[in-house]
C-alpha atoms as a PDB file:
ATOM      1  CA  MET A   1      46.538 -27.957  96.443  1.00  0.00           C
ATOM      2  CA  LYS A   2      42.936 -28.706  97.298  1.00  0.00           C
ATOM      3  CA  ILE A   3      40.894 -29.681 100.333  1.00  0.00           C
ATOM      4  CA  GLY A   4      42.018 -33.107 101.555  1.00  0.00           C
ATOM      5  CA  ASP A   5      45.568 -32.798 100.189  1.00  0.00           C
ATOM      6  CA  LYS A   6      48.582 -33.225 102.464  1.00  0.00           C
ATOM      7  CA  ALA A   7      50.622 -30.039 102.691  1.00  0.00           C
ATOM      8  CA  PRO A   8      54.395 -30.346 102.136  1.00  0.00           C
ATOM      9  CA  GLU A   9      56.493 -30.828 105.285  1.00  0.00           C
ATOM     10  CA  ILE A  10      58.971 -28.132 104.247  1.00  0.00           C
ATOM     11  CA  LEU A  11      57.206 -24.870 103.464  1.00  0.00           C
ATOM     12  CA  GLY A  12      60.292 -22.774 102.740  1.00  0.00           C
ATOM     13  CA  HIS A  13      62.494 -20.269 104.564  1.00  0.00           C
ATOM     14  CA  ASP A  14      61.325 -17.393 106.717  1.00  0.00           C
ATOM     15  CA  GLU A  15      62.514 -13.804 106.968  1.00  0.00           C
ATOM     16  CA  ASN A  16      65.551 -14.947 108.993  1.00  0.00           C
ATOM     17  CA  GLY A  17      66.540 -17.743 106.626  1.00  0.00           C
ATOM     18  CA  ASN A  18      65.208 -20.454 108.948  1.00  0.00           C
ATOM     19  CA  GLU A  19      63.478 -23.455 107.434  1.00  0.00           C
ATOM     20  CA  VAL A  20      59.732 -23.524 108.136  1.00  0.00           C
ATOM     21  CA  ARG A  21      58.298 -27.019 108.587  1.00  0.00           C
ATOM     22  CA  LEU A  22      54.786 -28.252 109.302  1.00  0.00           C
ATOM     23  CA  SER A  23      56.162 -30.283 112.208  1.00  0.00           C
ATOM     24  CA  ASP A  24      57.299 -27.020 113.882  1.00  0.00           C
ATOM     25  CA  TYR A  25      53.605 -26.330 114.501  1.00  0.00           C
ATOM     26  CA  GLN A  26      52.558 -29.731 115.813  1.00  0.00           C
ATOM     27  CA  GLY A  27      49.243 -29.725 117.646  1.00  0.00           C
ATOM     28  CA  ARG A  28      48.057 -26.503 116.000  1.00  0.00           C
ATOM     29  CA  LYS A  29      46.180 -25.631 112.864  1.00  0.00           C
ATOM     30  CA  ILE A  30      48.183 -23.542 110.435  1.00  0.00           C
ATOM     31  CA  VAL A  31      46.815 -20.514 108.647  1.00  0.00           C
ATOM     32  CA  LEU A  32      49.077 -20.317 105.609  1.00  0.00           C
ATOM     33  CA  TYR A  33      48.147 -17.117 103.873  1.00  0.00           C
ATOM     34  CA  PHE A  34      49.577 -16.130 100.508  1.00  0.00           C
ATOM     35  CA  TYR A  35      49.637 -12.457  99.615  1.00  0.00           C
ATOM     36  CA  PRO A  36      50.972 -10.530  96.593  1.00  0.00           C
ATOM     37  CA  LYS A  37      53.468  -7.997  97.994  1.00  0.00           C
ATOM     38  CA  ASP A  38      54.919  -6.511 101.186  1.00  0.00           C
ATOM     39  CA  MET A  39      54.005  -2.901 101.994  1.00  0.00           C
ATOM     40  CA  THR A  40      51.005  -2.650  99.628  1.00  0.00           C
ATOM     41  CA  SER A  41      47.690  -1.427 101.016  1.00  0.00           C
ATOM     42  CA  GLY A  42      45.682  -4.666 100.806  1.00  0.00           C
ATOM     43  CA  CYS A  43      48.536  -6.829 102.042  1.00  0.00           C
ATOM     44  CA  THR A  44      49.230  -4.453 104.925  1.00  0.00           C
ATOM     45  CA  ALA A  45      45.540  -4.414 105.893  1.00  0.00           C
ATOM     46  CA  GLU A  46      45.443  -8.217 105.886  1.00  0.00           C
ATOM     47  CA  ALA A  47      48.671  -8.628 107.897  1.00  0.00           C
ATOM     48  CA  CYS A  48      47.629  -5.995 110.450  1.00  0.00           C
ATOM     49  CA  ASN A  49      44.189  -7.572 110.860  1.00  0.00           C
ATOM     50  CA  LEU A  50      45.836 -10.921 111.622  1.00  0.00           C
ATOM     51  CA  ARG A  51      48.290  -9.173 113.982  1.00  0.00           C
ATOM     52  CA  ASP A  52      45.484  -7.364 115.818  1.00  0.00           C
ATOM     53  CA  ASN A  53      43.584 -10.625 116.325  1.00  0.00           C
ATOM     54  CA  ILE A  54      46.542 -12.907 117.044  1.00  0.00           C
ATOM     55  CA  GLY A  55      45.313 -13.618 120.597  1.00  0.00           C
ATOM     56  CA  ASP A  56      41.938 -14.914 119.409  1.00  0.00           C
ATOM     57  CA  LEU A  57      43.562 -16.883 116.581  1.00  0.00           C
ATOM     58  CA  GLU A  58      46.073 -18.538 118.936  1.00  0.00           C
ATOM     59  CA  GLU A  59      43.299 -19.236 121.439  1.00  0.00           C
ATOM     60  CA  GLY A  60      41.463 -20.991 118.596  1.00  0.00           C
ATOM     61  CA  GLY A  61      44.520 -23.202 118.085  1.00  0.00           C
ATOM     62  CA  TYR A  62      45.824 -21.423 114.977  1.00  0.00           C
ATOM     63  CA  ALA A  63      49.399 -20.514 114.070  1.00  0.00           C
ATOM     64  CA  ILE A  64      49.813 -17.862 111.360  1.00  0.00           C
ATOM     65  CA  ILE A  65      52.373 -18.054 108.551  1.00  0.00           C
ATOM     66  CA  GLY A  66      52.442 -15.569 105.693  1.00  0.00           C
ATOM     67  CA  ALA A  67      54.046 -16.227 102.311  1.00  0.00           C
ATOM     68  CA  SER A  68      54.919 -14.101  99.316  1.00  0.00           C
ATOM     69  CA  ILE A  69      57.599 -14.043  96.652  1.00  0.00           C
ATOM     70  CA  ASP A  70      59.290 -11.041  98.320  1.00  0.00           C
ATOM     71  CA  ASP A  71      62.777 -11.654  99.700  1.00  0.00           C
ATOM     72  CA  ALA A  72      63.783 -12.005 103.348  1.00  0.00           C
ATOM     73  CA  LYS A  73      65.013  -8.402 103.597  1.00  0.00           C
ATOM     74  CA  SER A  74      61.642  -7.084 102.386  1.00  0.00           C
ATOM     75  CA  HIS A  75      59.858  -9.354 104.879  1.00  0.00           C
ATOM     76  CA  GLN A  76      62.073  -8.118 107.728  1.00  0.00           C
ATOM     77  CA  LYS A  77      61.136  -4.501 106.938  1.00  0.00           C
ATOM     78  CA  PHE A  78      57.435  -5.395 106.651  1.00  0.00           C
ATOM     79  CA  ILE A  79      57.500  -7.245 109.993  1.00  0.00           C
ATOM     80  CA  ALA A  80      59.383  -4.423 111.740  1.00  0.00           C
ATOM     81  CA  LYS A  81      57.219  -1.619 110.347  1.00  0.00           C
ATOM     82  CA  HIS A  82      53.941  -3.299 111.308  1.00  0.00           C
ATOM     83  CA  GLU A  83      55.143  -5.286 114.367  1.00  0.00           C
ATOM     84  CA  LEU A  84      53.952  -8.577 112.920  1.00  0.00           C
ATOM     85  CA  PRO A  85      54.083 -11.429 115.474  1.00  0.00           C
ATOM     86  CA  PHE A  86      54.371 -14.234 112.905  1.00  0.00           C
ATOM     87  CA  HIS A  87      56.834 -15.467 110.303  1.00  0.00           C
ATOM     88  CA  LEU A  88      56.743 -14.696 106.595  1.00  0.00           C
ATOM     89  CA  ILE A  89      58.070 -17.191 104.066  1.00  0.00           C
ATOM     90  CA  ALA A  90      60.328 -15.683 101.412  1.00  0.00           C
ATOM     91  CA  ASP A  91      59.266 -17.760  98.405  1.00  0.00           C
ATOM     92  CA  THR A  92      61.617 -16.030  95.962  1.00  0.00           C
ATOM     93  CA  ASP A  93      61.955 -19.101  93.725  1.00  0.00           C
ATOM     94  CA  LYS A  94      58.127 -19.461  93.600  1.00  0.00           C
ATOM     95  CA  THR A  95      58.254 -23.098  94.768  1.00  0.00           C
ATOM     96  CA  LEU A  96      55.509 -22.736  97.376  1.00  0.00           C
ATOM     97  CA  VAL A  97      53.158 -20.517  95.340  1.00  0.00           C
ATOM     98  CA  GLU A  98      53.367 -23.018  92.489  1.00  0.00           C
ATOM     99  CA  GLN A  99      52.907 -26.047  94.800  1.00  0.00           C
ATOM    100  CA  PHE A 100      49.755 -24.488  96.246  1.00  0.00           C
ATOM    101  CA  GLY A 101      48.493 -23.292  92.861  1.00  0.00           C
ATOM    102  CA  VAL A 102      48.311 -19.599  93.772  1.00  0.00           C
ATOM    103  CA  TRP A 103      50.689 -18.296  91.071  1.00  0.00           C
ATOM    104  CA  GLY A 104      49.263 -17.289  87.731  1.00  0.00           C
ATOM    105  CA  GLU A 105      48.272 -14.664  85.216  1.00  0.00           C
ATOM    106  CA  LYS A 106      46.548 -11.600  86.612  1.00  0.00           C
ATOM    107  CA  SER A 107      45.239  -8.457  85.002  1.00  0.00           C
ATOM    108  CA  MET A 108      45.211  -4.860  86.221  1.00  0.00           C
ATOM    109  CA  TYR A 109      44.047  -1.908  84.141  1.00  0.00           C
ATOM    110  CA  GLY A 110      44.128  -4.137  81.064  1.00  0.00           C
ATOM    111  CA  ARG A 111      47.768  -5.095  81.636  1.00  0.00           C
ATOM    112  CA  LYS A 112      48.481  -8.810  82.072  1.00  0.00           C
ATOM    113  CA  TYR A 113      51.211 -10.033  84.392  1.00  0.00           C
ATOM    114  CA  PHE A 114      52.020 -12.998  86.628  1.00  0.00           C
ATOM    115  CA  GLY A 115      51.507 -12.772  90.346  1.00  0.00           C
ATOM    116  CA  THR A 116      50.260 -14.370  93.545  1.00  0.00           C
ATOM    117  CA  PHE A 117      46.535 -14.866  94.070  1.00  0.00           C
ATOM    118  CA  ARG A 118      45.629 -13.819  97.630  1.00  0.00           C
ATOM    119  CA  THR A 119      44.594 -17.172  99.118  1.00  0.00           C
ATOM    120  CA  THR A 120      44.499 -18.676 102.602  1.00  0.00           C
ATOM    121  CA  PHE A 121      44.883 -22.370 103.370  1.00  0.00           C
ATOM    122  CA  ILE A 122      43.805 -23.765 106.725  1.00  0.00           C
ATOM    123  CA  ILE A 123      45.925 -26.841 107.429  1.00  0.00           C
ATOM    124  CA  ASN A 124      44.817 -29.133 110.264  1.00  0.00           C
ATOM    125  CA  GLU A 125      46.967 -30.726 112.949  1.00  0.00           C
ATOM    126  CA  GLU A 126      47.673 -33.716 110.675  1.00  0.00           C
ATOM    127  CA  GLY A 127      48.982 -31.491 107.866  1.00  0.00           C
ATOM    128  CA  ILE A 128      45.874 -31.860 105.694  1.00  0.00           C
ATOM    129  CA  VAL A 129      44.334 -28.850 103.915  1.00  0.00           C
ATOM    130  CA  GLU A 130      40.870 -28.587 105.457  1.00  0.00           C
ATOM    131  CA  ARG A 131      39.719 -25.228 104.151  1.00  0.00           C
ATOM    132  CA  ILE A 132      40.661 -22.737 101.441  1.00  0.00           C
ATOM    133  CA  ILE A 133      39.619 -19.097 101.412  1.00  0.00           C
ATOM    134  CA  GLY A 134      40.009 -17.905  97.846  1.00  0.00           C
ATOM    135  CA  PRO A 135      40.947 -14.543  96.336  1.00  0.00           C
ATOM    136  CA  LYS A 136      37.361 -13.400  95.767  1.00  0.00           C
ATOM    137  CA  GLN A 137      36.332 -14.356  99.317  1.00  0.00           C
ATOM    138  CA  ILE A 138      39.091 -12.745 101.385  1.00  0.00           C
ATOM    139  CA  LYS A 139      38.239  -9.546 103.199  1.00  0.00           C
ATOM    140  CA  THR A 140      41.657  -8.090 104.007  1.00  0.00           C
ATOM    141  CA  LYS A 141      40.377  -5.851 106.838  1.00  0.00           C
ATOM    142  CA  ASP A 142      38.396  -8.666 108.467  1.00  0.00           C
ATOM    143  CA  HIS A 143      40.375 -11.789 107.606  1.00  0.00           C
ATOM    144  CA  ALA A 144      40.869 -13.072 111.167  1.00  0.00           C
ATOM    145  CA  LYS A 145      37.089 -13.144 111.682  1.00  0.00           C
ATOM    146  CA  GLN A 146      36.696 -15.127 108.427  1.00  0.00           C
ATOM    147  CA  ILE A 147      39.212 -17.685 109.710  1.00  0.00           C
ATOM    148  CA  LEU A 148      37.675 -17.934 113.181  1.00  0.00           C
ATOM    149  CA  GLU A 149      34.079 -18.147 111.965  1.00  0.00           C
ATOM    150  CA  GLY A 150      34.898 -20.686 109.299  1.00  0.00           C
ATOM    151  CA  ALA A 151      33.493 -18.487 106.530  1.00  0.00           C
END
């Protein structure tokens, strides 16, 4: 997925098993943020930063949707523990991460493995990807400001 591409209408299923569709967010820009894993330090920092700035984000016309390959039960715990006011897509079959091109080989301490690249897609009201904030750009503790300032 790149800037100018149309995002898929069906994004997946949330933590409650409900289908998440672009059309559910008509009239708003969608912040679709992909993150590696529930309950890890960077992912928690990012989710909590978005939570803490949800008022400003909504005022700016944004709806937040998180996505990872964790299952619905893991997402429910993550949402409850950190009082997250937005839905998390349980992309357990990796359909969405592969569609958006954020799944691939990573390396940590010399060990190679496959995982999700922390990436945020800003999707406009027409369902078109208008901005991408890549893994090397995202500041997990200040992500809402990056979204709002367009940086």
